Each structure stands twice: as C-alpha cells, then as structure tokens.
Amino acid sequence: MEQARMISLPLMLGYGLDLLLGDPRWMPHPIVGFGRLIHTFDTRLNRGRGRFWKGLASALALILGVFFLFAAAGRLAAAIHPAVGLAFEVSGIFFALANQTLVREGRAVFAALRLSLEAGRRRLSWIVGRDTADLSVQEVKTAVFETMAENLSDGVVAPLFWYALLGLPGMMAYKMVNTLDSMIGHKDERYYWFGKTAARIDDAANLLPARLTAALMALVSLSPRSFRFIARYGSAHDSPNSGYPEAALAGILDLRFGGPHTYDGERVDKPWIGANPREIGDEEIGYVAAINHAVCFVAVVLAISGRTLLHAL
C-alpha cells in the first residue's frame, strides 16, 4: 500500500500542476536546455564527412546522457531528503507533460479566429510548422485539431508511457528524443544524414504510444467510427505514428484531415484521413479539449498502474 502511494503521489501531483499551470512562459524549462544542447551539437558536428555517424553519436550521447543525469540527480535528491526527492520527481513530471498547454494553445487559435482570420493564422503559426499565411478559416481549425491529436501522443501519452517503464529518467530521455526529432529529424539536405538516427529513434519510441493514444481517444469518446478510422487510415500517413491519433480524432468528429500543406513555400501532399470536408463549428474546440483531458487522465491512471505492477514483479 505504501509503495503504491509513493508511486501514485508524484504522478498525481505533477499532473495536477500541469492542469493548474500549463507551461508558464516565465518559468525556465528543461526542454529549452535540451534544445540548446542539440543546437550546439548541430552547429559543431553537422558538417563535412561522416554526418550520419556524427548524428548517430550525437543522438545516443544526448539521450543516454539525459537518462543517466536524471537517474543520478533523482538518487541524490532522495538521499538529501525524501521531500527533496519527491519535489524533484514532481517537477520533472510537470515539465514533461504538455496537456494543459496543448489545450490552451488550441483554444487560443479559435479565440483569435473570432477576432479575424489573420489573427487566427498568426496564432496558429505558434504551434504548427506549416505555412499559415494563406489558410482559410476551415484550414486553420483543421490544423488545430490535427496538431492537438498528434501532440496528445507526443506531449502526453508517450511521456507517461516511458515514465511507467523507466521512471523519470525514461520520461526525460523520451523528451530529448522528441526534441531531437523536432529539431534535426528532417529530410532536407542539411539534416537528411545527421538527423536520420534521431528520426528513427523517435519513430521507435512513439510506436506503441501513438497507437495507445488513438485507442484511448476512441474509448473515451465511445466512438465506434473512430476505431474504423484508425484501422482504415492510421497507416496511411507518411509518418509511421502520426496518422493513428489523427485518424482517431477524424473518426470521432467525422472530419477530413491531411491533404496538401505548404512548408517553407514548398507544397507537400499528405494523404487524406477521412472523407467528410464539413465545416467545423467554433464550439467543437471544447469537445476536442475534453477528449484531450480525458485521455490524459486515463493515461496517468494507466501509468500509475503500470509502474506499480512493474515494482511488484
């Protein structure tokens, strides 16, 4: 009983802090530090010969370095005092979860759209990589829902999945994996070789969490159509993982995602997910936010259960 309480307490407190605070912009964030480290490796090593091997060594060094750093820091914090150890664990979980921020950002785009299309486009550009200057109202709303679905996996379920398996060190190592992919896991000329390992590790790290996210979305919404969309469209996406949560939400809402997007002035034709191009209502952001919150809560409960089970084995 005591062991179960000690496992559940940091998760519930970290989850509660995320609900309460999200990611305050004034607060120093470890992911910003991850980004600076990656930038340093990129600047110094992504040149000349052997870019693939230098990218592989960089990715492994950063991921393993974060894992062992947080493992050592966690042991040191607990040795100082149990309360210090708990505070360290809670703060790490809080920083690794992005559910509240994801929901707030989605709502902020819809709120900006009510002011003007141009305001909505500008606000959307904060959270997506595609060009937003020429998007219609419908395309802006669709982009919000696509990114909320995809990042529900990357920013919520996947970190909790790796916490359940490997504790806070695994959770933070996953955040490094995800940050590496977002910064260098591209297929352009600069990063094709240097970022290849980072991209493949990210694919592997999200393989199960993306499918779990899709299943949880369908379950919490009680949507049989969502399960059908997952089966039909989940593997249609260029990414081996992103299509599953996007297909789940498209099925829940009976919407069409995907299609042509523009990145840095270049058109990219993505597969369609769904077939109904119906107009999205302003009120639907509330329903999608509720789905995200429900999935996050269930994922926290599953992480507590899984971590407790592993400790019992």
C-alpha atoms as a PDB file:
ATOM      1  CA  MET A   1       0.000   0.000   0.000  1.00  0.00           C
ATOM      2  CA  GLU A   2       2.801   2.397   0.919  1.00  0.00           C
ATOM      3  CA  GLN A   3       4.654   1.564  -2.295  1.00  0.00           C
ATOM      4  CA  ALA A   4       1.539   2.236  -4.392  1.00  0.00           C
ATOM      5  CA  ARG A   5       1.084   5.587  -2.652  1.00  0.00           C
ATOM      6  CA  MET A   6       4.702   6.594  -3.275  1.00  0.00           C
ATOM      7  CA  ILE A   7       4.330   5.723  -6.960  1.00  0.00           C
ATOM      8  CA  SER A   8       0.999   7.498  -7.438  1.00  0.00           C
ATOM      9  CA  LEU A   9       1.803  10.649  -5.435  1.00  0.00           C
ATOM     10  CA  PRO A  10       4.417  12.228  -7.758  1.00  0.00           C
ATOM     11  CA  LEU A  11       2.357  11.412 -10.852  1.00  0.00           C
ATOM     12  CA  MET A  12      -0.828  12.887  -9.432  1.00  0.00           C
ATOM     13  CA  LEU A  13       0.974  15.984  -8.159  1.00  0.00           C
ATOM     14  CA  GLY A  14       2.797  16.518 -11.454  1.00  0.00           C
ATOM     15  CA  TYR A  15      -0.447  16.017 -13.347  1.00  0.00           C
ATOM     16  CA  GLY A  16      -2.200  18.467 -11.024  1.00  0.00           C
ATOM     17  CA  LEU A  17       0.488  21.098 -11.555  1.00  0.00           C
ATOM     18  CA  ASP A  18       0.158  20.730 -15.326  1.00  0.00           C
ATOM     19  CA  LEU A  19      -3.606  21.259 -15.047  1.00  0.00           C
ATOM     20  CA  LEU A  20      -3.075  24.283 -12.834  1.00  0.00           C
ATOM     21  CA  LEU A  21      -0.175  25.989 -14.577  1.00  0.00           C
ATOM     22  CA  GLY A  22       0.447  24.509 -18.008  1.00  0.00           C
ATOM     23  CA  ASP A  23       3.862  25.755 -19.169  1.00  0.00           C
ATOM     24  CA  PRO A  24       4.259  29.324 -17.859  1.00  0.00           C
ATOM     25  CA  ARG A  25       6.414  31.281 -20.314  1.00  0.00           C
ATOM     26  CA  TRP A  26       8.320  32.975 -17.494  1.00  0.00           C
ATOM     27  CA  MET A  27       9.463  29.677 -15.949  1.00  0.00           C
ATOM     28  CA  PRO A  28      12.802  28.102 -17.000  1.00  0.00           C
ATOM     29  CA  HIS A  29      12.082  24.843 -18.822  1.00  0.00           C
ATOM     30  CA  PRO A  30      14.458  21.872 -19.196  1.00  0.00           C
ATOM     31  CA  ILE A  31      13.303  21.303 -22.783  1.00  0.00           C
ATOM     32  CA  VAL A  32      14.763  24.720 -23.659  1.00  0.00           C
ATOM     33  CA  GLY A  33      18.064  23.419 -22.298  1.00  0.00           C
ATOM     34  CA  PHE A  34      17.688  20.278 -24.403  1.00  0.00           C
ATOM     35  CA  GLY A  35      17.210  22.468 -27.459  1.00  0.00           C
ATOM     36  CA  ARG A  36      20.360  24.451 -26.724  1.00  0.00           C
ATOM     37  CA  LEU A  37      22.388  21.265 -26.336  1.00  0.00           C
ATOM     38  CA  ILE A  38      21.080  19.914 -29.624  1.00  0.00           C
ATOM     39  CA  HIS A  39      21.855  23.211 -31.341  1.00  0.00           C
ATOM     40  CA  THR A  40      25.429  23.047 -30.036  1.00  0.00           C
ATOM     41  CA  PHE A  41      25.930  19.505 -31.376  1.00  0.00           C
ATOM     42  CA  ASP A  42      24.310  20.501 -34.672  1.00  0.00           C
ATOM     43  CA  THR A  43      26.474  23.593 -35.116  1.00  0.00           C
ATOM     44  CA  ARG A  44      29.741  21.850 -34.302  1.00  0.00           C
ATOM     45  CA  LEU A  45      29.259  18.416 -35.877  1.00  0.00           C
ATOM     46  CA  ASN A  46      26.790  18.707 -38.741  1.00  0.00           C
ATOM     47  CA  ARG A  47      29.417  19.453 -41.373  1.00  0.00           C
ATOM     48  CA  GLY A  48      31.976  17.697 -43.533  1.00  0.00           C
ATOM     49  CA  ARG A  49      32.257  13.929 -43.819  1.00  0.00           C
ATOM     50  CA  GLY A  50      30.593  11.271 -41.719  1.00  0.00           C
ATOM     51  CA  ARG A  51      27.451  13.212 -40.905  1.00  0.00           C
ATOM     52  CA  PHE A  52      25.444  10.045 -40.370  1.00  0.00           C
ATOM     53  CA  TRP A  53      27.896   8.693 -37.794  1.00  0.00           C
ATOM     54  CA  LYS A  54      28.254  12.046 -36.084  1.00  0.00           C
ATOM     55  CA  GLY A  55      24.459  12.349 -35.942  1.00  0.00           C
ATOM     56  CA  LEU A  56      24.167   8.829 -34.526  1.00  0.00           C
ATOM     57  CA  ALA A  57      26.797   9.532 -31.854  1.00  0.00           C
ATOM     58  CA  SER A  58      25.163  12.860 -31.007  1.00  0.00           C
ATOM     59  CA  ALA A  59      21.692  11.359 -30.620  1.00  0.00           C
ATOM     60  CA  LEU A  60      22.878   8.479 -28.445  1.00  0.00           C
ATOM     61  CA  ALA A  61      25.076  10.731 -26.299  1.00  0.00           C
ATOM     62  CA  LEU A  62      22.259  13.209 -25.655  1.00  0.00           C
ATOM     63  CA  ILE A  63      19.562  10.609 -24.978  1.00  0.00           C
ATOM     64  CA  LEU A  64      21.699   8.418 -22.727  1.00  0.00           C
ATOM     65  CA  GLY A  65      23.224  11.477 -21.096  1.00  0.00           C
ATOM     66  CA  VAL A  66      19.796  12.796 -20.110  1.00  0.00           C
ATOM     67  CA  PHE A  67      18.722   9.369 -18.827  1.00  0.00           C
ATOM     68  CA  PHE A  68      21.747   8.913 -16.559  1.00  0.00           C
ATOM     69  CA  LEU A  69      21.784  12.565 -15.487  1.00  0.00           C
ATOM     70  CA  PHE A  70      18.199  12.397 -14.224  1.00  0.00           C
ATOM     71  CA  ALA A  71      18.779   8.977 -12.661  1.00  0.00           C
ATOM     72  CA  ALA A  72      21.758  10.306 -10.701  1.00  0.00           C
ATOM     73  CA  ALA A  73      20.026  13.580  -9.799  1.00  0.00           C
ATOM     74  CA  GLY A  74      16.962  11.686  -8.598  1.00  0.00           C
ATOM     75  CA  ARG A  75      19.043   9.440  -6.332  1.00  0.00           C
ATOM     76  CA  LEU A  76      20.927  12.453  -4.974  1.00  0.00           C
ATOM     77  CA  ALA A  77      17.709  14.364  -4.306  1.00  0.00           C
ATOM     78  CA  ALA A  78      16.180  11.383  -2.470  1.00  0.00           C
ATOM     79  CA  ALA A  79      19.373  10.936  -0.422  1.00  0.00           C
ATOM     80  CA  ILE A  80      19.225  14.566   0.707  1.00  0.00           C
ATOM     81  CA  HIS A  81      15.674  14.123   1.988  1.00  0.00           C
ATOM     82  CA  PRO A  82      12.571  12.201   0.832  1.00  0.00           C
ATOM     83  CA  ALA A  83      10.743  15.516   0.367  1.00  0.00           C
ATOM     84  CA  VAL A  84      13.515  16.784  -1.900  1.00  0.00           C
ATOM     85  CA  GLY A  85      13.327  13.558  -3.906  1.00  0.00           C
ATOM     86  CA  LEU A  86       9.562  13.926  -4.220  1.00  0.00           C
ATOM     87  CA  ALA A  87       9.854  17.576  -5.304  1.00  0.00           C
ATOM     88  CA  PHE A  88      12.410  16.627  -7.959  1.00  0.00           C
ATOM     89  CA  GLU A  89      10.175  13.844  -9.299  1.00  0.00           C
ATOM     90  CA  VAL A  90       7.055  16.024  -9.325  1.00  0.00           C
ATOM     91  CA  SER A  91       8.797  18.912 -11.076  1.00  0.00           C
ATOM     92  CA  GLY A  92      10.166  16.567 -13.743  1.00  0.00           C
ATOM     93  CA  ILE A  93       6.722  15.115 -14.451  1.00  0.00           C
ATOM     94  CA  PHE A  94       5.228  18.605 -14.530  1.00  0.00           C
ATOM     95  CA  PHE A  95       7.774  19.781 -17.107  1.00  0.00           C
ATOM     96  CA  ALA A  96       7.382  16.640 -19.226  1.00  0.00           C
ATOM     97  CA  LEU A  97       3.581  16.846 -19.526  1.00  0.00           C
ATOM     98  CA  ALA A  98       2.146  19.273 -22.067  1.00  0.00           C
ATOM     99  CA  ASN A  99      -1.587  18.604 -21.945  1.00  0.00           C
ATOM    100  CA  GLN A 100      -2.833  21.858 -20.481  1.00  0.00           C
ATOM    101  CA  THR A 101      -0.591  23.938 -22.730  1.00  0.00           C
ATOM    102  CA  LEU A 102      -1.752  21.986 -25.777  1.00  0.00           C
ATOM    103  CA  VAL A 103      -5.398  22.594 -24.914  1.00  0.00           C
ATOM    104  CA  ARG A 104      -4.812  26.281 -24.140  1.00  0.00           C
ATOM    105  CA  GLU A 105      -2.976  26.829 -27.423  1.00  0.00           C
ATOM    106  CA  GLY A 106      -5.776  25.174 -29.386  1.00  0.00           C
ATOM    107  CA  ARG A 107      -8.389  27.309 -27.652  1.00  0.00           C
ATOM    108  CA  ALA A 108      -6.247  30.415 -28.233  1.00  0.00           C
ATOM    109  CA  VAL A 109      -6.268  29.872 -32.002  1.00  0.00           C
ATOM    110  CA  PHE A 110     -10.063  29.517 -32.038  1.00  0.00           C
ATOM    111  CA  ALA A 111     -10.366  32.661 -29.894  1.00  0.00           C
ATOM    112  CA  ALA A 112      -8.072  34.548 -32.272  1.00  0.00           C
ATOM    113  CA  LEU A 113     -10.148  33.401 -35.239  1.00  0.00           C
ATOM    114  CA  ARG A 114     -13.187  35.058 -33.698  1.00  0.00           C
ATOM    115  CA  LEU A 115     -11.278  38.342 -33.941  1.00  0.00           C
ATOM    116  CA  SER A 116     -10.099  37.876 -37.513  1.00  0.00           C
ATOM    117  CA  LEU A 117      -8.779  35.286 -39.915  1.00  0.00           C
ATOM    118  CA  GLU A 118      -5.380  36.976 -39.909  1.00  0.00           C
ATOM    119  CA  ALA A 119      -5.207  36.791 -36.093  1.00  0.00           C
ATOM    120  CA  GLY A 120      -6.075  33.110 -36.212  1.00  0.00           C
ATOM    121  CA  ARG A 121      -3.390  32.427 -38.812  1.00  0.00           C
ATOM    122  CA  ARG A 122      -0.765  34.238 -36.721  1.00  0.00           C
ATOM    123  CA  ARG A 123      -1.727  32.354 -33.546  1.00  0.00           C
ATOM    124  CA  LEU A 124      -1.697  29.035 -35.385  1.00  0.00           C
ATOM    125  CA  SER A 125       1.867  29.698 -36.559  1.00  0.00           C
ATOM    126  CA  TRP A 126       2.956  29.397 -32.906  1.00  0.00           C
ATOM    127  CA  ILE A 127       2.070  25.699 -32.794  1.00  0.00           C
ATOM    128  CA  VAL A 128       2.477  24.264 -36.311  1.00  0.00           C
ATOM    129  CA  GLY A 129       5.343  24.010 -38.780  1.00  0.00           C
ATOM    130  CA  ARG A 130       3.312  24.588 -41.937  1.00  0.00           C
ATOM    131  CA  ASP A 131       2.905  27.968 -43.609  1.00  0.00           C
ATOM    132  CA  THR A 132      -0.254  29.634 -42.304  1.00  0.00           C
ATOM    133  CA  ALA A 133      -0.444  32.906 -44.266  1.00  0.00           C
ATOM    134  CA  ASP A 134      -2.902  31.652 -46.888  1.00  0.00           C
ATOM    135  CA  LEU A 135      -5.025  29.237 -44.861  1.00  0.00           C
ATOM    136  CA  SER A 136      -8.811  29.552 -44.796  1.00  0.00           C
ATOM    137  CA  VAL A 137     -10.824  29.527 -41.565  1.00  0.00           C
ATOM    138  CA  GLN A 138     -11.616  25.856 -42.120  1.00  0.00           C
ATOM    139  CA  GLU A 139      -7.955  25.022 -42.752  1.00  0.00           C
ATOM    140  CA  VAL A 140      -6.861  26.850 -39.599  1.00  0.00           C
ATOM    141  CA  LYS A 141      -9.375  24.920 -37.495  1.00  0.00           C
ATOM    142  CA  THR A 142      -8.407  21.631 -39.120  1.00  0.00           C
ATOM    143  CA  ALA A 143      -4.722  22.324 -38.428  1.00  0.00           C
ATOM    144  CA  VAL A 144      -5.529  22.943 -34.746  1.00  0.00           C
ATOM    145  CA  PHE A 145      -7.288  19.599 -34.433  1.00  0.00           C
ATOM    146  CA  GLU A 146      -4.543  17.739 -36.281  1.00  0.00           C
ATOM    147  CA  THR A 147      -1.831  19.135 -34.012  1.00  0.00           C
ATOM    148  CA  MET A 148      -3.902  18.553 -30.860  1.00  0.00           C
ATOM    149  CA  ALA A 149      -4.322  14.893 -31.832  1.00  0.00           C
ATOM    150  CA  GLU A 150      -0.686  14.339 -32.802  1.00  0.00           C
ATOM    151  CA  ASN A 151       0.711  16.148 -29.772  1.00  0.00           C
ATOM    152  CA  LEU A 152      -1.634  14.336 -27.410  1.00  0.00           C
ATOM    153  CA  SER A 153       0.601  11.365 -28.191  1.00  0.00           C
ATOM    154  CA  ASP A 154       3.962  13.176 -28.240  1.00  0.00           C
ATOM    155  CA  GLY A 155       3.299  15.514 -25.332  1.00  0.00           C
ATOM    156  CA  VAL A 156       1.130  13.426 -23.005  1.00  0.00           C
ATOM    157  CA  VAL A 157       0.717   9.694 -23.584  1.00  0.00           C
ATOM    158  CA  ALA A 158       4.261   8.908 -24.762  1.00  0.00           C
ATOM    159  CA  PRO A 159       5.992  10.641 -21.808  1.00  0.00           C
ATOM    160  CA  LEU A 160       3.659   8.816 -19.401  1.00  0.00           C
ATOM    161  CA  PHE A 161       4.285   5.519 -21.230  1.00  0.00           C
ATOM    162  CA  TRP A 162       8.038   5.870 -20.782  1.00  0.00           C
ATOM    163  CA  TYR A 163       7.597   7.012 -17.179  1.00  0.00           C
ATOM    164  CA  ALA A 164       5.665   3.809 -16.473  1.00  0.00           C
ATOM    165  CA  LEU A 165       8.501   1.726 -17.950  1.00  0.00           C
ATOM    166  CA  LEU A 166      11.625   3.607 -16.829  1.00  0.00           C
ATOM    167  CA  GLY A 167      10.573   6.256 -14.325  1.00  0.00           C
ATOM    168  CA  LEU A 168      11.510   9.914 -14.570  1.00  0.00           C
ATOM    169  CA  PRO A 169      14.853   9.206 -16.345  1.00  0.00           C
ATOM    170  CA  GLY A 170      12.953   7.387 -19.094  1.00  0.00           C
ATOM    171  CA  MET A 171      10.387  10.152 -19.313  1.00  0.00           C
ATOM    172  CA  MET A 172      13.025  12.853 -19.720  1.00  0.00           C
ATOM    173  CA  ALA A 173      15.064  10.748 -22.145  1.00  0.00           C
ATOM    174  CA  TYR A 174      11.909  10.475 -24.259  1.00  0.00           C
ATOM    175  CA  LYS A 175      11.562  14.273 -24.185  1.00  0.00           C
ATOM    176  CA  MET A 176      15.117  14.512 -25.513  1.00  0.00           C
ATOM    177  CA  VAL A 177      14.225  12.004 -28.248  1.00  0.00           C
ATOM    178  CA  ASN A 178      11.198  14.074 -29.222  1.00  0.00           C
ATOM    179  CA  THR A 179      13.139  17.346 -29.149  1.00  0.00           C
ATOM    180  CA  LEU A 180      15.904  15.841 -31.294  1.00  0.00           C
ATOM    181  CA  ASP A 181      13.353  14.749 -33.880  1.00  0.00           C
ATOM    182  CA  SER A 182      11.661  18.147 -33.977  1.00  0.00           C
ATOM    183  CA  MET A 183      14.981  19.974 -34.426  1.00  0.00           C
ATOM    184  CA  ILE A 184      17.084  17.699 -36.643  1.00  0.00           C
ATOM    185  CA  GLY A 185      14.872  14.815 -37.744  1.00  0.00           C
ATOM    186  CA  HIS A 186      14.155  16.353 -41.139  1.00  0.00           C
ATOM    187  CA  LYS A 187      14.601  15.047 -44.662  1.00  0.00           C
ATOM    188  CA  ASP A 188      16.086  18.198 -46.130  1.00  0.00           C
ATOM    189  CA  GLU A 189      19.660  18.444 -47.389  1.00  0.00           C
ATOM    190  CA  ARG A 190      21.099  19.721 -44.112  1.00  0.00           C
ATOM    191  CA  TYR A 191      19.618  17.066 -41.839  1.00  0.00           C
ATOM    192  CA  TYR A 192      18.984  14.033 -44.051  1.00  0.00           C
ATOM    193  CA  TRP A 193      22.071  12.208 -42.766  1.00  0.00           C
ATOM    194  CA  PHE A 194      22.806  13.980 -39.487  1.00  0.00           C
ATOM    195  CA  GLY A 195      19.218  13.635 -38.222  1.00  0.00           C
ATOM    196  CA  LYS A 196      18.435  10.187 -39.605  1.00  0.00           C
ATOM    197  CA  THR A 197      19.175   8.320 -36.349  1.00  0.00           C
ATOM    198  CA  ALA A 198      17.212  10.826 -34.280  1.00  0.00           C
ATOM    199  CA  ALA A 199      14.195  10.424 -36.574  1.00  0.00           C
ATOM    200  CA  ARG A 200      14.343   6.608 -36.450  1.00  0.00           C
ATOM    201  CA  ILE A 201      14.671   6.576 -32.644  1.00  0.00           C
ATOM    202  CA  ASP A 202      11.660   8.889 -32.389  1.00  0.00           C
ATOM    203  CA  ASP A 203       9.651   6.572 -34.661  1.00  0.00           C
ATOM    204  CA  ALA A 204      10.501   3.607 -32.441  1.00  0.00           C
ATOM    205  CA  ALA A 205       9.853   5.474 -29.179  1.00  0.00           C
ATOM    206  CA  ASN A 206       6.375   6.512 -30.361  1.00  0.00           C
ATOM    207  CA  LEU A 207       5.351   3.240 -31.993  1.00  0.00           C
ATOM    208  CA  LEU A 208       3.253   1.931 -29.098  1.00  0.00           C
ATOM    209  CA  PRO A 209       2.271   5.293 -27.508  1.00  0.00           C
ATOM    210  CA  ALA A 210       0.756   6.596 -30.771  1.00  0.00           C
ATOM    211  CA  ARG A 211      -1.460   3.539 -31.124  1.00  0.00           C
ATOM    212  CA  LEU A 212      -2.357   3.617 -27.435  1.00  0.00           C
ATOM    213  CA  THR A 213      -3.302   7.301 -27.796  1.00  0.00           C
ATOM    214  CA  ALA A 214      -5.598   6.511 -30.721  1.00  0.00           C
ATOM    215  CA  ALA A 215      -7.267   3.681 -28.820  1.00  0.00           C
ATOM    216  CA  LEU A 216      -7.793   5.839 -25.724  1.00  0.00           C
ATOM    217  CA  MET A 217      -9.296   8.635 -27.827  1.00  0.00           C
ATOM    218  CA  ALA A 218     -11.782   6.225 -29.360  1.00  0.00           C
ATOM    219  CA  LEU A 219     -12.612   4.708 -25.962  1.00  0.00           C
ATOM    220  CA  VAL A 220     -13.159   7.934 -24.012  1.00  0.00           C
ATOM    221  CA  SER A 221     -15.373   9.292 -26.805  1.00  0.00           C
ATOM    222  CA  LEU A 222     -17.295   5.994 -27.137  1.00  0.00           C
ATOM    223  CA  SER A 223     -16.886   6.237 -30.913  1.00  0.00           C
ATOM    224  CA  PRO A 224     -17.086   3.027 -32.992  1.00  0.00           C
ATOM    225  CA  ARG A 225     -16.411   5.139 -36.100  1.00  0.00           C
ATOM    226  CA  SER A 226     -13.118   6.230 -34.572  1.00  0.00           C
ATOM    227  CA  PHE A 227     -11.960   2.615 -34.353  1.00  0.00           C
ATOM    228  CA  ARG A 228     -12.904   2.139 -38.011  1.00  0.00           C
ATOM    229  CA  PHE A 229     -10.931   5.252 -38.993  1.00  0.00           C
ATOM    230  CA  ILE A 230      -7.908   4.041 -37.031  1.00  0.00           C
ATOM    231  CA  ALA A 231      -7.980   0.721 -38.874  1.00  0.00           C
ATOM    232  CA  ARG A 232      -8.520   2.342 -42.275  1.00  0.00           C
ATOM    233  CA  TYR A 233      -6.404   5.493 -42.122  1.00  0.00           C
ATOM    234  CA  GLY A 234      -3.903   5.030 -39.273  1.00  0.00           C
ATOM    235  CA  SER A 235      -1.177   3.653 -41.527  1.00  0.00           C
ATOM    236  CA  ALA A 236      -1.970   5.986 -44.443  1.00  0.00           C
ATOM    237  CA  HIS A 237       0.096   8.864 -43.045  1.00  0.00           C
ATOM    238  CA  ASP A 238       3.690   9.376 -44.196  1.00  0.00           C
ATOM    239  CA  SER A 239       4.739   9.123 -40.551  1.00  0.00           C
ATOM    240  CA  PRO A 240       4.511   5.610 -39.063  1.00  0.00           C
ATOM    241  CA  ASN A 241       2.856   7.085 -35.959  1.00  0.00           C
ATOM    242  CA  SER A 242       1.164  10.460 -36.506  1.00  0.00           C
ATOM    243  CA  GLY A 243      -1.671   9.006 -38.562  1.00  0.00           C
ATOM    244  CA  TYR A 244      -3.112   6.973 -35.694  1.00  0.00           C
ATOM    245  CA  PRO A 245      -4.198   9.742 -33.284  1.00  0.00           C
ATOM    246  CA  GLU A 246      -5.185  11.955 -36.244  1.00  0.00           C
ATOM    247  CA  ALA A 247      -7.334   9.143 -37.665  1.00  0.00           C
ATOM    248  CA  ALA A 248      -8.890   8.623 -34.233  1.00  0.00           C
ATOM    249  CA  LEU A 249      -9.957  12.271 -33.951  1.00  0.00           C
ATOM    250  CA  ALA A 250     -11.088  12.443 -37.574  1.00  0.00           C
ATOM    251  CA  GLY A 251     -13.319   9.457 -36.861  1.00  0.00           C
ATOM    252  CA  ILE A 252     -14.689  10.933 -33.647  1.00  0.00           C
ATOM    253  CA  LEU A 253     -15.640  14.167 -35.402  1.00  0.00           C
ATOM    254  CA  ASP A 254     -16.317  12.680 -38.860  1.00  0.00           C
ATOM    255  CA  LEU A 255     -13.858  15.119 -40.424  1.00  0.00           C
ATOM    256  CA  ARG A 256     -11.280  15.053 -43.192  1.00  0.00           C
ATOM    257  CA  PHE A 257      -7.655  15.719 -42.211  1.00  0.00           C
ATOM    258  CA  GLY A 258      -4.476  15.735 -44.288  1.00  0.00           C
ATOM    259  CA  GLY A 259      -4.243  16.807 -47.917  1.00  0.00           C
ATOM    260  CA  PRO A 260      -1.866  19.432 -49.370  1.00  0.00           C
ATOM    261  CA  HIS A 261       0.119  21.658 -46.977  1.00  0.00           C
ATOM    262  CA  THR A 262       2.881  24.199 -47.579  1.00  0.00           C
ATOM    263  CA  TYR A 263       6.142  24.150 -45.632  1.00  0.00           C
ATOM    264  CA  ASP A 264       8.677  26.946 -46.211  1.00  0.00           C
ATOM    265  CA  GLY A 265       6.995  27.751 -49.514  1.00  0.00           C
ATOM    266  CA  GLU A 266       7.059  24.150 -50.736  1.00  0.00           C
ATOM    267  CA  ARG A 267       3.847  22.174 -51.310  1.00  0.00           C
ATOM    268  CA  VAL A 268       3.648  18.774 -49.578  1.00  0.00           C
ATOM    269  CA  ASP A 269       0.796  16.433 -50.484  1.00  0.00           C
ATOM    270  CA  LYS A 270      -0.214  14.389 -47.449  1.00  0.00           C
ATOM    271  CA  PRO A 271      -2.708  11.513 -47.602  1.00  0.00           C
ATOM    272  CA  TRP A 272      -6.318  12.316 -46.781  1.00  0.00           C
ATOM    273  CA  ILE A 273      -7.611  10.961 -43.494  1.00  0.00           C
ATOM    274  CA  GLY A 274     -11.390  10.745 -43.710  1.00  0.00           C
ATOM    275  CA  ALA A 275     -13.682  11.916 -46.482  1.00  0.00           C
ATOM    276  CA  ASN A 276     -16.053  14.490 -44.955  1.00  0.00           C
ATOM    277  CA  PRO A 277     -14.925  18.131 -45.528  1.00  0.00           C
ATOM    278  CA  ARG A 278     -17.747  19.504 -43.371  1.00  0.00           C
ATOM    279  CA  GLU A 279     -17.469  22.919 -41.738  1.00  0.00           C
ATOM    280  CA  ILE A 280     -16.024  22.902 -38.215  1.00  0.00           C
ATOM    281  CA  GLY A 281     -18.076  24.750 -35.609  1.00  0.00           C
ATOM    282  CA  ASP A 282     -16.467  27.112 -33.088  1.00  0.00           C
ATOM    283  CA  GLU A 283     -17.882  25.078 -30.207  1.00  0.00           C
ATOM    284  CA  GLU A 284     -16.081  21.903 -31.276  1.00  0.00           C
ATOM    285  CA  ILE A 285     -12.803  23.037 -29.725  1.00  0.00           C
ATOM    286  CA  GLY A 286     -14.449  22.454 -26.344  1.00  0.00           C
ATOM    287  CA  TYR A 287     -15.255  18.841 -27.233  1.00  0.00           C
ATOM    288  CA  VAL A 288     -11.724  18.171 -28.530  1.00  0.00           C
ATOM    289  CA  ALA A 289     -10.267  19.743 -25.372  1.00  0.00           C
ATOM    290  CA  ALA A 290     -12.461  17.450 -23.263  1.00  0.00           C
ATOM    291  CA  ILE A 291     -11.157  14.426 -25.191  1.00  0.00           C
ATOM    292  CA  ASN A 292      -7.567  15.518 -24.560  1.00  0.00           C
ATOM    293  CA  HIS A 293      -8.208  15.971 -20.850  1.00  0.00           C
ATOM    294  CA  ALA A 294      -9.960  12.606 -20.578  1.00  0.00           C
ATOM    295  CA  VAL A 295      -7.157  10.781 -22.389  1.00  0.00           C
ATOM    296  CA  CYS A 296      -4.560  12.482 -20.200  1.00  0.00           C
ATOM    297  CA  PHE A 297      -6.349  11.432 -17.005  1.00  0.00           C
ATOM    298  CA  VAL A 298      -6.717   7.822 -18.162  1.00  0.00           C
ATOM    299  CA  ALA A 299      -3.060   7.759 -19.254  1.00  0.00           C
ATOM    300  CA  VAL A 300      -1.982   8.973 -15.795  1.00  0.00           C
ATOM    301  CA  VAL A 301      -4.026   6.193 -14.160  1.00  0.00           C
ATOM    302  CA  LEU A 302      -2.528   3.628 -16.540  1.00  0.00           C
ATOM    303  CA  ALA A 303       0.989   4.923 -15.829  1.00  0.00           C
ATOM    304  CA  ILE A 304       0.399   4.554 -12.070  1.00  0.00           C
ATOM    305  CA  SER A 305      -0.962   1.037 -12.580  1.00  0.00           C
ATOM    306  CA  GLY A 306       1.855   0.015 -14.885  1.00  0.00           C
ATOM    307  CA  ARG A 307       4.601   1.396 -12.654  1.00  0.00           C
ATOM    308  CA  THR A 308       3.041  -0.273  -9.605  1.00  0.00           C
ATOM    309  CA  LEU A 309       2.859  -3.596 -11.447  1.00  0.00           C
ATOM    310  CA  LEU A 310       6.493  -3.381 -12.555  1.00  0.00           C
ATOM    311  CA  HIS A 311       7.591  -2.663  -8.970  1.00  0.00           C
ATOM    312  CA  ALA A 312       5.614  -5.672  -7.767  1.00  0.00           C
ATOM    313  CA  LEU A 313       7.273  -8.064 -10.233  1.00  0.00           C
END
